[in-house]
Amino acid sequence: MNGTAIKICGLRDQAAVEAVAALGDRIRYAGFVFAESRRRVTPEAVRRLDLTRLAARRVGVFVDPDPALVRAAVEAASLEALQFSGDEPPEVVEAYRRTWGLSVIKAMDAAAGPEAAERWLGGGRPPFDILLLDVRRPGAFGGTGTAFDWEMIPEWQAFARAYGLSLWVAGGLRPETVGALVRRFRPDGVDVSSGVETGGQKDAAKIRRFVEAVAAAEAVTTEATDAGSRGETAPPR
């Protein structure tokens, strides 16, 4: 499937699941946070949710997890991808990848720059498929609603290309801001949690607006690319 992958993260209840399910495959990933967080869910709680209408791939989000928690979450939610947002060393991430045979997302602090990622790898190959740029704060591993300096994205894109990784962007995205990100930088994916919430709960209208903003931005960039290939200038929007 082409286009910008959208991940709605931090689903906790049936209403949030239904809001994502209503948009079908326009939302490619749905995240369930099993780490300490105000959006944390337990495997038991996820097992009670009806996920049958959910077209999005189910992602479990973890921070330095115990293997038993990962196993329980995979089995409870029939996870299709694992996201690690803590200080897990490469060999631990690789071990989970081998054990479960699932796609792996690794969240990294965007402000630290690709040099920090190179140090983390220690000369090895990335044990993950998707690199997620996010914002770290003391005691918080993502989901802070804080944006980072987007001018760092090209450096990270070069790093991702060198290793054959998909690059996703998170950090303070909202329906009002995601379009500018997609138009300017064309990331492989975008990840949102607090930006589609009202009063700490997922807001179906905001989720829809977020998805529509991504689609509108993609339409503009596609039109500009097509016009450029014909030697034309796309009309301003």
C-alpha atoms as a PDB file:
ATOM      1  CA  MET A   1       0.000   0.000   0.000  1.00  0.00           C
ATOM      2  CA  ASN A   2       1.406   3.392  -1.029  1.00  0.00           C
ATOM      3  CA  GLY A   3       1.043   6.735   0.708  1.00  0.00           C
ATOM      4  CA  THR A   4       1.812   7.952   4.192  1.00  0.00           C
ATOM      5  CA  ALA A   5       1.203   5.307   6.832  1.00  0.00           C
ATOM      6  CA  ILE A   6      -0.933   6.590   9.705  1.00  0.00           C
ATOM      7  CA  LYS A   7      -0.687   5.189  13.222  1.00  0.00           C
ATOM      8  CA  ILE A   8      -3.202   6.168  15.879  1.00  0.00           C
ATOM      9  CA  CYS A   9      -1.597   5.323  19.194  1.00  0.00           C
ATOM     10  CA  GLY A  10      -2.873   4.947  22.725  1.00  0.00           C
ATOM     11  CA  LEU A  11      -6.166   3.117  22.158  1.00  0.00           C
ATOM     12  CA  ARG A  12      -7.657   2.172  25.508  1.00  0.00           C
ATOM     13  CA  ASP A  13     -11.365   1.576  25.118  1.00  0.00           C
ATOM     14  CA  GLN A  14     -14.006   0.344  22.703  1.00  0.00           C
ATOM     15  CA  ALA A  15     -14.976   3.858  21.619  1.00  0.00           C
ATOM     16  CA  ALA A  16     -11.414   4.553  20.459  1.00  0.00           C
ATOM     17  CA  VAL A  17     -11.251   1.219  18.660  1.00  0.00           C
ATOM     18  CA  GLU A  18     -14.522   1.973  16.859  1.00  0.00           C
ATOM     19  CA  ALA A  19     -13.323   5.450  15.858  1.00  0.00           C
ATOM     20  CA  VAL A  20     -10.271   3.925  14.184  1.00  0.00           C
ATOM     21  CA  ALA A  21     -12.208   1.001  12.702  1.00  0.00           C
ATOM     22  CA  ALA A  22     -14.696   3.395  11.095  1.00  0.00           C
ATOM     23  CA  LEU A  23     -11.944   4.703   8.812  1.00  0.00           C
ATOM     24  CA  GLY A  24     -10.988   1.265   7.544  1.00  0.00           C
ATOM     25  CA  ASP A  25      -7.592   0.887   5.927  1.00  0.00           C
ATOM     26  CA  ARG A  26      -7.052   4.652   5.792  1.00  0.00           C
ATOM     27  CA  ILE A  27      -5.460   4.074   9.202  1.00  0.00           C
ATOM     28  CA  ARG A  28      -2.725   1.521   8.754  1.00  0.00           C
ATOM     29  CA  TYR A  29      -1.642   0.976  12.378  1.00  0.00           C
ATOM     30  CA  ALA A  30      -3.358   1.067  15.779  1.00  0.00           C
ATOM     31  CA  GLY A  31      -1.175   1.284  18.872  1.00  0.00           C
ATOM     32  CA  PHE A  32      -1.826  -0.186  22.301  1.00  0.00           C
ATOM     33  CA  VAL A  33       0.518   1.072  25.022  1.00  0.00           C
ATOM     34  CA  PHE A  34       1.596  -1.624  27.456  1.00  0.00           C
ATOM     35  CA  ALA A  35       4.212   0.592  29.145  1.00  0.00           C
ATOM     36  CA  GLU A  36       3.714   2.834  32.162  1.00  0.00           C
ATOM     37  CA  SER A  37       1.711   5.751  30.809  1.00  0.00           C
ATOM     38  CA  ARG A  38      -1.625   7.472  31.297  1.00  0.00           C
ATOM     39  CA  ARG A  39      -2.655   5.550  28.175  1.00  0.00           C
ATOM     40  CA  ARG A  40      -1.444   2.216  29.477  1.00  0.00           C
ATOM     41  CA  VAL A  41      -3.577  -0.871  28.934  1.00  0.00           C
ATOM     42  CA  THR A  42      -3.062  -4.373  30.249  1.00  0.00           C
ATOM     43  CA  PRO A  43      -3.213  -7.511  28.135  1.00  0.00           C
ATOM     44  CA  GLU A  44      -6.335  -8.479  30.068  1.00  0.00           C
ATOM     45  CA  ALA A  45      -8.042  -5.182  29.221  1.00  0.00           C
ATOM     46  CA  VAL A  46      -7.211  -5.502  25.519  1.00  0.00           C
ATOM     47  CA  ARG A  47      -8.516  -9.053  25.484  1.00  0.00           C
ATOM     48  CA  ARG A  48     -11.932  -7.691  26.515  1.00  0.00           C
ATOM     49  CA  LEU A  49     -12.072  -5.311  23.534  1.00  0.00           C
ATOM     50  CA  ASP A  50     -13.797  -6.301  20.308  1.00  0.00           C
ATOM     51  CA  LEU A  51     -11.107  -5.789  17.655  1.00  0.00           C
ATOM     52  CA  THR A  52     -12.809  -7.708  14.858  1.00  0.00           C
ATOM     53  CA  ARG A  53     -13.675  -4.572  12.835  1.00  0.00           C
ATOM     54  CA  LEU A  54     -10.193  -3.122  13.139  1.00  0.00           C
ATOM     55  CA  ALA A  55      -8.488  -3.117   9.724  1.00  0.00           C
ATOM     56  CA  ALA A  56      -5.368  -1.423  11.098  1.00  0.00           C
ATOM     57  CA  ARG A  57      -2.390  -3.549  12.072  1.00  0.00           C
ATOM     58  CA  ARG A  58      -2.153  -3.902  15.840  1.00  0.00           C
ATOM     59  CA  VAL A  59       1.020  -2.541  17.423  1.00  0.00           C
ATOM     60  CA  GLY A  60       2.124  -3.167  20.985  1.00  0.00           C
ATOM     61  CA  VAL A  61       4.141  -0.298  22.481  1.00  0.00           C
ATOM     62  CA  PHE A  62       6.697  -1.235  25.144  1.00  0.00           C
ATOM     63  CA  VAL A  63       9.392   0.451  27.227  1.00  0.00           C
ATOM     64  CA  ASP A  64      12.150  -1.900  28.432  1.00  0.00           C
ATOM     65  CA  PRO A  65       9.567  -4.670  28.899  1.00  0.00           C
ATOM     66  CA  ASP A  66       9.715  -7.974  30.669  1.00  0.00           C
ATOM     67  CA  PRO A  67       9.487 -10.801  28.101  1.00  0.00           C
ATOM     68  CA  ALA A  68       6.433 -12.171  29.900  1.00  0.00           C
ATOM     69  CA  LEU A  69       4.560  -8.909  29.278  1.00  0.00           C
ATOM     70  CA  VAL A  70       5.405  -8.987  25.580  1.00  0.00           C
ATOM     71  CA  ARG A  71       4.197 -12.562  25.314  1.00  0.00           C
ATOM     72  CA  ALA A  72       0.939 -11.793  27.129  1.00  0.00           C
ATOM     73  CA  ALA A  73       0.317  -8.725  24.965  1.00  0.00           C
ATOM     74  CA  VAL A  74       1.055 -10.514  21.690  1.00  0.00           C
ATOM     75  CA  GLU A  75      -1.336 -13.295  22.606  1.00  0.00           C
ATOM     76  CA  ALA A  76      -4.087 -11.039  23.991  1.00  0.00           C
ATOM     77  CA  ALA A  77      -4.185  -8.576  21.090  1.00  0.00           C
ATOM     78  CA  SER A  78      -2.886 -10.765  18.248  1.00  0.00           C
ATOM     79  CA  LEU A  79      -0.218  -8.114  17.720  1.00  0.00           C
ATOM     80  CA  GLU A  80       1.222  -7.657  14.247  1.00  0.00           C
ATOM     81  CA  ALA A  81       4.071  -5.309  15.167  1.00  0.00           C
ATOM     82  CA  LEU A  82       6.157  -4.446  18.224  1.00  0.00           C
ATOM     83  CA  GLN A  83       7.297  -0.928  19.116  1.00  0.00           C
ATOM     84  CA  PHE A  84      10.136  -0.340  21.553  1.00  0.00           C
ATOM     85  CA  SER A  85      10.373   3.162  22.985  1.00  0.00           C
ATOM     86  CA  GLY A  86      12.827   2.692  25.845  1.00  0.00           C
ATOM     87  CA  ASP A  87      16.549   2.064  26.253  1.00  0.00           C
ATOM     88  CA  GLU A  88      16.446  -1.488  24.910  1.00  0.00           C
ATOM     89  CA  PRO A  89      19.866  -2.431  23.481  1.00  0.00           C
ATOM     90  CA  PRO A  90      20.007  -3.672  19.889  1.00  0.00           C
ATOM     91  CA  GLU A  91      20.516  -7.296  20.887  1.00  0.00           C
ATOM     92  CA  VAL A  92      17.340  -7.268  22.986  1.00  0.00           C
ATOM     93  CA  VAL A  93      15.289  -5.774  20.152  1.00  0.00           C
ATOM     94  CA  GLU A  94      16.728  -8.379  17.778  1.00  0.00           C
ATOM     95  CA  ALA A  95      15.843 -11.163  20.215  1.00  0.00           C
ATOM     96  CA  TYR A  96      12.201 -10.056  20.295  1.00  0.00           C
ATOM     97  CA  ARG A  97      12.199  -9.828  16.517  1.00  0.00           C
ATOM     98  CA  ARG A  98      13.491 -13.390  16.162  1.00  0.00           C
ATOM     99  CA  THR A  99      11.159 -14.740  18.830  1.00  0.00           C
ATOM    100  CA  TRP A 100       7.951 -13.320  17.386  1.00  0.00           C
ATOM    101  CA  GLY A 101       8.735 -12.802  13.706  1.00  0.00           C
ATOM    102  CA  LEU A 102       6.852  -9.493  13.710  1.00  0.00           C
ATOM    103  CA  SER A 103       7.626  -6.080  12.257  1.00  0.00           C
ATOM    104  CA  VAL A 104       9.557  -3.929  14.710  1.00  0.00           C
ATOM    105  CA  ILE A 105       9.351  -0.172  15.250  1.00  0.00           C
ATOM    106  CA  LYS A 106      12.091   1.575  17.244  1.00  0.00           C
ATOM    107  CA  ALA A 107      11.351   5.008  18.660  1.00  0.00           C
ATOM    108  CA  MET A 108      14.304   7.351  19.016  1.00  0.00           C
ATOM    109  CA  ASP A 109      14.733  10.837  20.395  1.00  0.00           C
ATOM    110  CA  ALA A 110      14.717  13.086  17.337  1.00  0.00           C
ATOM    111  CA  ALA A 111      16.738  15.794  19.077  1.00  0.00           C
ATOM    112  CA  ALA A 112      19.641  13.396  19.714  1.00  0.00           C
ATOM    113  CA  GLY A 113      20.343  13.155  15.991  1.00  0.00           C
ATOM    114  CA  PRO A 114      21.458  10.234  13.820  1.00  0.00           C
ATOM    115  CA  GLU A 115      24.840  10.198  15.552  1.00  0.00           C
ATOM    116  CA  ALA A 116      23.156   8.877  18.687  1.00  0.00           C
ATOM    117  CA  ALA A 117      21.471   6.173  16.620  1.00  0.00           C
ATOM    118  CA  GLU A 118      24.829   5.155  15.143  1.00  0.00           C
ATOM    119  CA  ARG A 119      26.296   4.884  18.637  1.00  0.00           C
ATOM    120  CA  TRP A 120      23.328   2.792  19.746  1.00  0.00           C
ATOM    121  CA  LEU A 121      23.855   0.427  16.809  1.00  0.00           C
ATOM    122  CA  GLY A 122      27.541   0.056  17.629  1.00  0.00           C
ATOM    123  CA  GLY A 123      28.449  -0.687  14.028  1.00  0.00           C
ATOM    124  CA  GLY A 124      25.706  -3.269  13.532  1.00  0.00           C
ATOM    125  CA  ARG A 125      22.607  -3.330  11.369  1.00  0.00           C
ATOM    126  CA  PRO A 126      19.311  -1.992  12.741  1.00  0.00           C
ATOM    127  CA  PRO A 127      17.212  -4.792  14.280  1.00  0.00           C
ATOM    128  CA  PHE A 128      14.010  -3.016  13.265  1.00  0.00           C
ATOM    129  CA  ASP A 129      12.048  -2.062  10.153  1.00  0.00           C
ATOM    130  CA  ILE A 130      10.650   1.345  11.052  1.00  0.00           C
ATOM    131  CA  LEU A 131      12.433   4.246  12.736  1.00  0.00           C
ATOM    132  CA  LEU A 132      10.033   6.482  14.661  1.00  0.00           C
ATOM    133  CA  LEU A 133      11.194   9.990  15.541  1.00  0.00           C
ATOM    134  CA  ASP A 134       9.674  11.228  18.776  1.00  0.00           C
ATOM    135  CA  VAL A 135      10.361  13.503  21.725  1.00  0.00           C
ATOM    136  CA  ARG A 136      11.789  12.265  24.987  1.00  0.00           C
ATOM    137  CA  ARG A 137      11.319  13.950  28.307  1.00  0.00           C
ATOM    138  CA  PRO A 138      12.514  12.788  31.719  1.00  0.00           C
ATOM    139  CA  GLY A 139      10.221   9.940  32.719  1.00  0.00           C
ATOM    140  CA  ALA A 140       8.280  10.076  29.450  1.00  0.00           C
ATOM    141  CA  PHE A 141       8.915   8.003  26.345  1.00  0.00           C
ATOM    142  CA  GLY A 142       6.675   9.600  23.712  1.00  0.00           C
ATOM    143  CA  GLY A 143       3.045  10.657  23.835  1.00  0.00           C
ATOM    144  CA  THR A 144       4.021  14.006  25.342  1.00  0.00           C
ATOM    145  CA  GLY A 145       2.263  16.157  22.743  1.00  0.00           C
ATOM    146  CA  THR A 146       5.527  18.038  22.181  1.00  0.00           C
ATOM    147  CA  ALA A 147       6.994  18.694  18.740  1.00  0.00           C
ATOM    148  CA  PHE A 148      10.678  18.619  17.812  1.00  0.00           C
ATOM    149  CA  ASP A 149      12.574  20.766  15.309  1.00  0.00           C
ATOM    150  CA  TRP A 150      11.483  19.447  11.908  1.00  0.00           C
ATOM    151  CA  GLU A 151      14.676  20.822  10.357  1.00  0.00           C
ATOM    152  CA  MET A 152      16.359  17.681  11.700  1.00  0.00           C
ATOM    153  CA  ILE A 153      14.193  15.393   9.559  1.00  0.00           C
ATOM    154  CA  PRO A 154      16.399  15.422   6.415  1.00  0.00           C
ATOM    155  CA  GLU A 155      19.382  14.155   8.449  1.00  0.00           C
ATOM    156  CA  TRP A 156      17.267  11.342   9.799  1.00  0.00           C
ATOM    157  CA  GLN A 157      15.888  10.571   6.347  1.00  0.00           C
ATOM    158  CA  ALA A 158      19.437  10.149   5.044  1.00  0.00           C
ATOM    159  CA  PHE A 159      20.190   7.799   7.948  1.00  0.00           C
ATOM    160  CA  ALA A 160      17.037   5.783   7.281  1.00  0.00           C
ATOM    161  CA  ARG A 161      17.787   5.496   3.562  1.00  0.00           C
ATOM    162  CA  ALA A 162      21.317   4.277   4.282  1.00  0.00           C
ATOM    163  CA  TYR A 163      19.893   1.357   6.268  1.00  0.00           C
ATOM    164  CA  GLY A 164      16.786   0.699   4.182  1.00  0.00           C
ATOM    165  CA  LEU A 165      14.410   1.781   6.958  1.00  0.00           C
ATOM    166  CA  SER A 166      11.027   3.466   6.833  1.00  0.00           C
ATOM    167  CA  LEU A 167      10.987   6.791   8.673  1.00  0.00           C
ATOM    168  CA  TRP A 168       7.966   7.851  10.701  1.00  0.00           C
ATOM    169  CA  VAL A 169       7.437  11.100  12.565  1.00  0.00           C
ATOM    170  CA  ALA A 170       5.620  11.643  15.863  1.00  0.00           C
ATOM    171  CA  GLY A 171       5.737  14.419  18.416  1.00  0.00           C
ATOM    172  CA  GLY A 172       2.985  16.983  18.831  1.00  0.00           C
ATOM    173  CA  LEU A 173       1.220  16.274  15.544  1.00  0.00           C
ATOM    174  CA  ARG A 174      -2.367  17.491  15.196  1.00  0.00           C
ATOM    175  CA  PRO A 175      -4.896  17.733  12.367  1.00  0.00           C
ATOM    176  CA  GLU A 176      -3.813  21.359  11.954  1.00  0.00           C
ATOM    177  CA  THR A 177      -0.078  20.626  11.617  1.00  0.00           C
ATOM    178  CA  VAL A 178       0.323  17.216   9.991  1.00  0.00           C
ATOM    179  CA  GLY A 179      -0.429  18.515   6.496  1.00  0.00           C
ATOM    180  CA  ALA A 180       2.555  20.872   6.547  1.00  0.00           C
ATOM    181  CA  LEU A 181       4.796  18.019   7.671  1.00  0.00           C
ATOM    182  CA  VAL A 182       3.639  15.697   4.895  1.00  0.00           C
ATOM    183  CA  ARG A 183       3.860  18.362   2.189  1.00  0.00           C
ATOM    184  CA  ARG A 184       7.361  19.463   3.125  1.00  0.00           C
ATOM    185  CA  PHE A 185       9.115  16.279   4.219  1.00  0.00           C
ATOM    186  CA  ARG A 186       7.028  13.364   2.922  1.00  0.00           C
ATOM    187  CA  PRO A 187       7.763  10.959   5.787  1.00  0.00           C
ATOM    188  CA  ASP A 188       6.901   7.317   5.287  1.00  0.00           C
ATOM    189  CA  GLY A 189       4.523   7.478   8.227  1.00  0.00           C
ATOM    190  CA  VAL A 190       3.046   9.681  10.946  1.00  0.00           C
ATOM    191  CA  ASP A 191       2.124   8.713  14.488  1.00  0.00           C
ATOM    192  CA  VAL A 192      -0.341  10.594  16.675  1.00  0.00           C
ATOM    193  CA  SER A 193      -1.833  10.159  20.127  1.00  0.00           C
ATOM    194  CA  SER A 194      -2.562  13.296  22.168  1.00  0.00           C
ATOM    195  CA  GLY A 195      -3.191  15.323  18.998  1.00  0.00           C
ATOM    196  CA  VAL A 196      -6.423  13.423  18.347  1.00  0.00           C
ATOM    197  CA  GLU A 197      -7.707  13.549  21.918  1.00  0.00           C
ATOM    198  CA  THR A 198     -10.139  15.766  23.788  1.00  0.00           C
ATOM    199  CA  GLY A 199     -10.018  15.664  27.552  1.00  0.00           C
ATOM    200  CA  GLY A 200      -7.608  12.731  27.480  1.00  0.00           C
ATOM    201  CA  GLN A 201      -9.922  10.574  25.357  1.00  0.00           C
ATOM    202  CA  LYS A 202      -9.650   9.733  21.678  1.00  0.00           C
ATOM    203  CA  ASP A 203     -11.887  12.041  19.642  1.00  0.00           C
ATOM    204  CA  ALA A 204     -13.434  10.428  16.552  1.00  0.00           C
ATOM    205  CA  ALA A 205     -13.840  13.783  14.788  1.00  0.00           C
ATOM    206  CA  LYS A 206     -10.197  14.713  15.346  1.00  0.00           C
ATOM    207  CA  ILE A 207      -9.052  11.300  14.129  1.00  0.00           C
ATOM    208  CA  ARG A 208     -11.042  11.773  10.933  1.00  0.00           C
ATOM    209  CA  ARG A 209      -9.689  15.296  10.457  1.00  0.00           C
ATOM    210  CA  PHE A 210      -6.144  14.034  10.948  1.00  0.00           C
ATOM    211  CA  VAL A 211      -6.604  11.341   8.297  1.00  0.00           C
ATOM    212  CA  GLU A 212      -8.206  13.826   5.901  1.00  0.00           C
ATOM    213  CA  ALA A 213      -5.360  16.320   6.440  1.00  0.00           C
ATOM    214  CA  VAL A 214      -2.799  13.668   5.499  1.00  0.00           C
ATOM    215  CA  ALA A 215      -4.784  12.740   2.381  1.00  0.00           C
ATOM    216  CA  ALA A 216      -5.120  16.387   1.324  1.00  0.00           C
ATOM    217  CA  ALA A 217      -1.385  16.974   1.757  1.00  0.00           C
ATOM    218  CA  GLU A 218      -0.590  13.865  -0.258  1.00  0.00           C
ATOM    219  CA  ALA A 219      -2.846  15.088  -3.059  1.00  0.00           C
ATOM    220  CA  VAL A 220      -0.957  18.384  -3.223  1.00  0.00           C
ATOM    221  CA  THR A 221       2.479  16.733  -3.277  1.00  0.00           C
ATOM    222  CA  THR A 222       1.356  14.235  -5.922  1.00  0.00           C
ATOM    223  CA  GLU A 223      -0.034  17.024  -8.090  1.00  0.00           C
ATOM    224  CA  ALA A 224       3.194  19.004  -7.744  1.00  0.00           C
ATOM    225  CA  THR A 225       5.294  15.958  -8.609  1.00  0.00           C
ATOM    226  CA  ASP A 226       3.185  15.147 -11.663  1.00  0.00           C
ATOM    227  CA  ALA A 227       3.300  18.749 -12.852  1.00  0.00           C
ATOM    228  CA  GLY A 228       7.048  18.868 -12.344  1.00  0.00           C
ATOM    229  CA  SER A 229       7.544  15.751 -14.437  1.00  0.00           C
ATOM    230  CA  ARG A 230       5.670  17.511 -17.259  1.00  0.00           C
ATOM    231  CA  GLY A 231       7.635  20.720 -16.831  1.00  0.00           C
ATOM    232  CA  GLU A 232       4.578  22.538 -15.490  1.00  0.00           C
ATOM    233  CA  THR A 233       3.890  24.455 -12.316  1.00  0.00           C
ATOM    234  CA  ALA A 234       1.152  23.134 -10.045  1.00  0.00           C
ATOM    235  CA  PRO A 235      -1.430  25.749  -9.031  1.00  0.00           C
ATOM    236  CA  PRO A 236      -1.095  27.004  -5.450  1.00  0.00           C
ATOM    237  CA  ARG A 237      -3.455  25.688  -2.773  1.00  0.00           C
END
